[in-house]
PDB file of N, CA and C in Angstrom:
ATOM      1  N   MET A   1     -18.126 -15.314  16.636  1.00  0.00           N
ATOM      2  CA  MET A   1     -17.414 -14.618  17.702  1.00  0.00           C
ATOM      3  C   MET A   1     -15.777 -14.457  17.285  1.00  0.00           C
ATOM      4  N   LEU A   2     -15.285 -16.262  17.066  1.00  0.00           N
ATOM      5  CA  LEU A   2     -13.891 -15.870  16.881  1.00  0.00           C
ATOM      6  C   LEU A   2     -13.478 -15.734  15.317  1.00  0.00           C
ATOM      7  N   ARG A   3     -14.172 -16.258  14.633  1.00  0.00           N
ATOM      8  CA  ARG A   3     -13.864 -15.515  12.834  1.00  0.00           C
ATOM      9  C   ARG A   3     -13.820 -13.857  13.457  1.00  0.00           C
ATOM     10  N   THR A   4     -14.629 -13.208  14.038  1.00  0.00           N
ATOM     11  CA  THR A   4     -14.663 -11.854  14.017  1.00  0.00           C
ATOM     12  C   THR A   4     -13.069 -10.716  14.825  1.00  0.00           C
ATOM     13  N   ALA A   5     -12.830 -11.938  16.012  1.00  0.00           N
ATOM     14  CA  ALA A   5     -11.564 -11.886  16.965  1.00  0.00           C
ATOM     15  C   ALA A   5     -10.536 -12.002  15.302  1.00  0.00           C
ATOM     16  N   VAL A   6     -10.122 -13.030  14.844  1.00  0.00           N
ATOM     17  CA  VAL A   6      -9.244 -13.242  14.226  1.00  0.00           C
ATOM     18  C   VAL A   6      -9.133 -12.165  13.085  1.00  0.00           C
ATOM     19  N   PHE A   7     -10.615 -11.948  12.475  1.00  0.00           N
ATOM     20  CA  PHE A   7     -10.315 -10.730  11.421  1.00  0.00           C
ATOM     21  C   PHE A   7      -9.939  -9.716  11.989  1.00  0.00           C
ATOM     22  N   ILE A   8     -10.372  -8.665  13.328  1.00  0.00           N
ATOM     23  CA  ILE A   8      -9.695  -7.957  14.137  1.00  0.00           C
ATOM     24  C   ILE A   8      -8.151  -7.592  14.233  1.00  0.00           C
ATOM     25  N   PHE A   9      -7.691  -9.337  14.432  1.00  0.00           N
ATOM     26  CA  PHE A   9      -6.591  -9.473  14.839  1.00  0.00           C
ATOM     27  C   PHE A   9      -6.058  -9.575  13.730  1.00  0.00           C
ATOM     28  N   VAL A  10      -6.626  -9.689  12.691  1.00  0.00           N
ATOM     29  CA  VAL A  10      -5.498 -10.114  11.542  1.00  0.00           C
ATOM     30  C   VAL A  10      -5.536  -8.371  10.710  1.00  0.00           C
ATOM     31  N   ASP A  11      -6.662  -7.822  10.512  1.00  0.00           N
ATOM     32  CA  ASP A  11      -6.468  -6.416  10.162  1.00  0.00           C
ATOM     33  C   ASP A  11      -5.924  -5.509  11.263  1.00  0.00           C
ATOM     34  N   ALA A  12      -6.546  -5.411  12.228  1.00  0.00           N
ATOM     35  CA  ALA A  12      -5.645  -4.568  12.946  1.00  0.00           C
ATOM     36  C   ALA A  12      -3.588  -4.429  13.464  1.00  0.00           C
ATOM     37  N   PHE A  13      -3.926  -6.033  13.941  1.00  0.00           N
ATOM     38  CA  PHE A  13      -2.378  -5.811  14.197  1.00  0.00           C
ATOM     39  C   PHE A  13      -0.794  -6.288  12.880  1.00  0.00           C
ATOM     40  N   GLY A  14      -2.036  -7.651  12.579  1.00  0.00           N
ATOM     41  CA  GLY A  14      -1.077  -7.953  11.022  1.00  0.00           C
ATOM     42  C   GLY A  14      -0.830  -7.371   9.773  1.00  0.00           C
ATOM     43  N   PHE A  15      -2.151  -6.245   8.919  1.00  0.00           N
ATOM     44  CA  PHE A  15      -1.742  -5.782   8.064  1.00  0.00           C
ATOM     45  C   PHE A  15      -0.807  -4.259   9.345  1.00  0.00           C
ATOM     46  N   GLY A  16      -0.994  -3.700  10.134  1.00  0.00           N
ATOM     47  CA  GLY A  16      -0.214  -3.035  10.389  1.00  0.00           C
ATOM     48  C   GLY A  16       0.929  -2.963  10.945  1.00  0.00           C
ATOM     49  N   PHE A  17       1.275  -4.018  11.892  1.00  0.00           N
ATOM     50  CA  PHE A  17       2.720  -4.742  11.239  1.00  0.00           C
ATOM     51  C   PHE A  17       3.701  -4.656  10.106  1.00  0.00           C
ATOM     52  N   LEU A  18       2.587  -5.245   9.115  1.00  0.00           N
ATOM     53  CA  LEU A  18       3.357  -4.860   7.897  1.00  0.00           C
ATOM     54  C   LEU A  18       3.443  -4.298   7.061  1.00  0.00           C
ATOM     55  N   ILE A  19       2.941  -2.761   7.285  1.00  0.00           N
ATOM     56  CA  ILE A  19       2.877  -1.451   6.913  1.00  0.00           C
ATOM     57  C   ILE A  19       3.970  -0.894   7.547  1.00  0.00           C
ATOM     58  N   VAL A  20       3.947  -0.968   8.627  1.00  0.00           N
ATOM     59  CA  VAL A  20       5.268  -0.216   9.599  1.00  0.00           C
ATOM     60  C   VAL A  20       6.260  -0.957   9.398  1.00  0.00           C
ATOM     61  N   SER A  21       6.453  -2.215   9.239  1.00  0.00           N
ATOM     62  CA  SER A  21       8.269  -2.929   8.865  1.00  0.00           C
ATOM     63  C   SER A  21       8.503  -2.925   7.222  1.00  0.00           C
ATOM     64  N   ALA A  22       7.580  -2.710   6.380  1.00  0.00           N
ATOM     65  CA  ALA A  22       7.661  -2.589   4.822  1.00  0.00           C
ATOM     66  C   ALA A  22       8.157  -1.078   4.328  1.00  0.00           C
ATOM     67  N   ALA A  23       7.651  -0.013   5.191  1.00  0.00           N
ATOM     68  CA  ALA A  23       7.707   1.346   5.136  1.00  0.00           C
ATOM     69  C   ALA A  23       9.562   2.079   4.823  1.00  0.00           C
ATOM     70  N   PRO A  24       9.790   1.055   5.936  1.00  0.00           N
ATOM     71  CA  PRO A  24      11.341   2.111   5.767  1.00  0.00           C
ATOM     72  C   PRO A  24      12.388   0.730   4.915  1.00  0.00           C
ATOM     73  N   TRP A  25      11.905   0.179   4.101  1.00  0.00           N
ATOM     74  CA  TRP A  25      12.512  -0.858   3.412  1.00  0.00           C
ATOM     75  C   TRP A  25      11.623  -0.016   1.846  1.00  0.00           C
ATOM     76  N   LEU A  26      10.875   0.463   1.841  1.00  0.00           N
ATOM     77  CA  LEU A  26      10.181   1.352   0.249  1.00  0.00           C
ATOM     78  C   LEU A  26      10.531   2.202   0.428  1.00  0.00           C
ATOM     79  N   SER A  27      11.000   2.991   1.471  1.00  0.00           N
ATOM     80  CA  SER A  27      11.170   4.599   1.837  1.00  0.00           C
ATOM     81  C   SER A  27      13.149   4.390   1.025  1.00  0.00           C
ATOM     82  N   ARG A  28      13.772   3.063   1.782  1.00  0.00           N
ATOM     83  CA  ARG A  28      15.345   2.897   1.089  1.00  0.00           C
ATOM     84  C   ARG A  28      14.890   2.773  -0.183  1.00  0.00           C
ATOM     85  N   GLN A  29      14.046   2.155  -0.535  1.00  0.00           N
ATOM     86  CA  GLN A  29      14.402   1.284  -2.027  1.00  0.00           C
ATOM     87  C   GLN A  29      13.854   2.959  -2.942  1.00  0.00           C
ATOM     88  N   LEU A  30      13.148   3.491  -2.458  1.00  0.00           N
ATOM     89  CA  LEU A  30      12.346   4.929  -3.499  1.00  0.00           C
ATOM     90  C   LEU A  30      13.755   5.957  -3.391  1.00  0.00           C
ATOM     91  N   SER A  31      14.728   5.976  -2.486  1.00  0.00           N
ATOM     92  CA  SER A  31      15.253   7.251  -1.868  1.00  0.00           C
ATOM     93  C   SER A  31      16.751   6.758  -3.060  1.00  0.00           C
ATOM     94  N   HIS A  32      16.492   5.953  -3.668  1.00  0.00           N
ATOM     95  CA  HIS A  32      17.598   5.117  -4.892  1.00  0.00           C
ATOM     96  C   HIS A  32      17.440   5.890  -6.239  1.00  0.00           C
ATOM     97  N   LEU A  33      16.403   6.401  -6.281  1.00  0.00           N
ATOM     98  CA  LEU A  33      15.697   6.725  -7.515  1.00  0.00           C
ATOM     99  C   LEU A  33      16.143   7.758  -7.976  1.00  0.00           C
ATOM    100  N   PRO A  34      16.320   8.511  -9.252  1.00  0.00           N
ATOM    101  CA  PRO A  34      16.114   9.876  -9.191  1.00  0.00           C
ATOM    102  C   PRO A  34      15.007  10.514  -9.146  1.00  0.00           C
ATOM    103  N   ASN A  35      15.010  11.966  -9.052  1.00  0.00           N
ATOM    104  CA  ASN A  35      13.568  12.476  -9.472  1.00  0.00           C
ATOM    105  C   ASN A  35      12.183  12.631  -9.760  1.00  0.00           C
ATOM    106  N   ALA A  36      13.561  12.516 -11.146  1.00  0.00           N
ATOM    107  CA  ALA A  36      11.942  12.183 -12.445  1.00  0.00           C
ATOM    108  C   ALA A  36      11.492  11.141 -12.744  1.00  0.00           C
ATOM    109  N   TRP A  37      11.990   9.836 -12.116  1.00  0.00           N
ATOM    110  CA  TRP A  37      11.543   8.790 -12.614  1.00  0.00           C
ATOM    111  C   TRP A  37      11.122   8.821 -11.042  1.00  0.00           C
ATOM    112  N   LEU A  38      10.831   9.006  -9.681  1.00  0.00           N
ATOM    113  CA  LEU A  38      10.322   8.970  -8.721  1.00  0.00           C
ATOM    114  C   LEU A  38       8.815   9.472  -8.834  1.00  0.00           C
ATOM    115  N   VAL A  39       9.149  10.640  -9.647  1.00  0.00           N
ATOM    116  CA  VAL A  39       7.669  11.912  -9.980  1.00  0.00           C
ATOM    117  C   VAL A  39       6.593  10.567 -10.457  1.00  0.00           C
ATOM    118  N   GLY A  40       7.279   9.719 -12.023  1.00  0.00           N
ATOM    119  CA  GLY A  40       6.415   9.225 -12.475  1.00  0.00           C
ATOM    120  C   GLY A  40       5.793   7.698 -11.922  1.00  0.00           C
ATOM    121  N   ILE A  41       6.717   6.909 -11.166  1.00  0.00           N
ATOM    122  CA  ILE A  41       6.733   5.815 -10.750  1.00  0.00           C
ATOM    123  C   ILE A  41       5.265   6.161  -9.595  1.00  0.00           C
ATOM    124  N   VAL A  42       5.143   7.478  -8.683  1.00  0.00           N
ATOM    125  CA  VAL A  42       4.560   7.764  -8.438  1.00  0.00           C
ATOM    126  C   VAL A  42       3.006   8.305  -8.614  1.00  0.00           C
ATOM    127  N   VAL A  43       2.350   8.872  -9.457  1.00  0.00           N
ATOM    128  CA  VAL A  43       2.084   9.133 -10.684  1.00  0.00           C
ATOM    129  C   VAL A  43       1.579   8.003 -11.205  1.00  0.00           C
ATOM    130  N   THR A  44       1.914   7.275 -11.606  1.00  0.00           N
ATOM    131  CA  THR A  44       1.635   5.907 -12.531  1.00  0.00           C
ATOM    132  C   THR A  44       0.628   4.843 -11.591  1.00  0.00           C
ATOM    133  N   THR A  45       1.595   4.704 -10.229  1.00  0.00           N
ATOM    134  CA  THR A  45       0.686   4.416  -8.940  1.00  0.00           C
ATOM    135  C   THR A  45      -0.329   4.165  -8.922  1.00  0.00           C
ATOM    136  N   PHE A  46      -0.772   6.239  -8.115  1.00  0.00           N
ATOM    137  CA  PHE A  46      -1.724   6.236  -8.330  1.00  0.00           C
ATOM    138  C   PHE A  46      -2.930   6.278  -9.162  1.00  0.00           C
ATOM    139  N   VAL A  47      -2.258   6.603 -10.513  1.00  0.00           N
ATOM    140  CA  VAL A  47      -3.237   5.965 -12.106  1.00  0.00           C
ATOM    141  C   VAL A  47      -3.837   4.614 -11.406  1.00  0.00           C
ATOM    142  N   PHE A  48      -3.170   3.639 -11.662  1.00  0.00           N
ATOM    143  CA  PHE A  48      -3.335   2.340 -11.555  1.00  0.00           C
ATOM    144  C   PHE A  48      -4.449   1.595 -10.250  1.00  0.00           C
ATOM    145  N   ILE A  49      -3.592   2.662  -9.339  1.00  0.00           N
ATOM    146  CA  ILE A  49      -5.097   1.958  -8.315  1.00  0.00           C
ATOM    147  C   ILE A  49      -6.402   3.125  -8.267  1.00  0.00           C
ATOM    148  N   GLY A  50      -6.565   4.269  -8.969  1.00  0.00           N
ATOM    149  CA  GLY A  50      -7.674   4.365  -9.463  1.00  0.00           C
ATOM    150  C   GLY A  50      -8.300   4.136 -10.699  1.00  0.00           C
ATOM    151  N   THR A  51      -7.926   3.533 -11.396  1.00  0.00           N
ATOM    152  CA  THR A  51      -8.385   2.523 -12.831  1.00  0.00           C
ATOM    153  C   THR A  51      -8.905   1.392 -11.892  1.00  0.00           C
ATOM    154  N   TRP A  52      -8.317   0.785 -10.987  1.00  0.00           N
ATOM    155  CA  TRP A  52      -8.567  -0.402 -10.732  1.00  0.00           C
ATOM    156  C   TRP A  52      -9.682  -0.449  -9.220  1.00  0.00           C
ATOM    157  N   ALA A  53      -9.755   0.927  -9.068  1.00  0.00           N
ATOM    158  CA  ALA A  53     -10.885   0.984  -7.539  1.00  0.00           C
ATOM    159  C   ALA A  53     -12.206   1.691  -8.905  1.00  0.00           C
ATOM    160  N   GLN A  54     -12.454   1.759  -9.796  1.00  0.00           N
ATOM    161  CA  GLN A  54     -13.343   2.675 -10.858  1.00  0.00           C
ATOM    162  C   GLN A  54     -13.740   1.084 -11.247  1.00  0.00           C
ATOM    163  N   ARG A  55     -12.851  -0.149 -12.016  1.00  0.00           N
ATOM    164  CA  ARG A  55     -13.417  -0.802 -12.405  1.00  0.00           C
ATOM    165  C   ARG A  55     -14.318  -1.483 -11.381  1.00  0.00           C
ATOM    166  N   HIS A  56     -13.513  -2.081  -9.632  1.00  0.00           N
ATOM    167  CA  HIS A  56     -14.123  -2.586  -9.222  1.00  0.00           C
ATOM    168  C   HIS A  56     -15.407  -1.886  -8.117  1.00  0.00           C
ATOM    169  N   ARG A  57     -15.578  -0.772  -9.063  1.00  0.00           N
ATOM    170  CA  ARG A  57     -16.891  -0.353  -8.247  1.00  0.00           C
ATOM    171  C   ARG A  57     -16.270   0.107  -6.509  1.00  0.00           C
ATOM    172  N   GLN A  58     -14.853   0.710  -6.764  1.00  0.00           N
ATOM    173  CA  GLN A  58     -14.991   0.850  -5.076  1.00  0.00           C
ATOM    174  C   GLN A  58     -14.882   2.506  -5.201  1.00  0.00           C
ATOM    175  N   VAL A  59     -15.069   3.504  -6.133  1.00  0.00           N
ATOM    176  CA  VAL A  59     -15.040   4.636  -5.446  1.00  0.00           C
ATOM    177  C   VAL A  59     -16.824   5.152  -5.532  1.00  0.00           C
TER     178      VAL A  59
END
């Protein structure tokens, strides 16, 4: 019961807080990039995540 409660707390609140606090920083960093670089980085990131997911059978 305790492990489940800790898991829920870390997932719901820990990762939620991390995303909420990291999003403005990431937005500021990406806003300094030229549009051509931004498109390339976004596409490369999606391809990387998709490739990783296929290799680990998460798709």
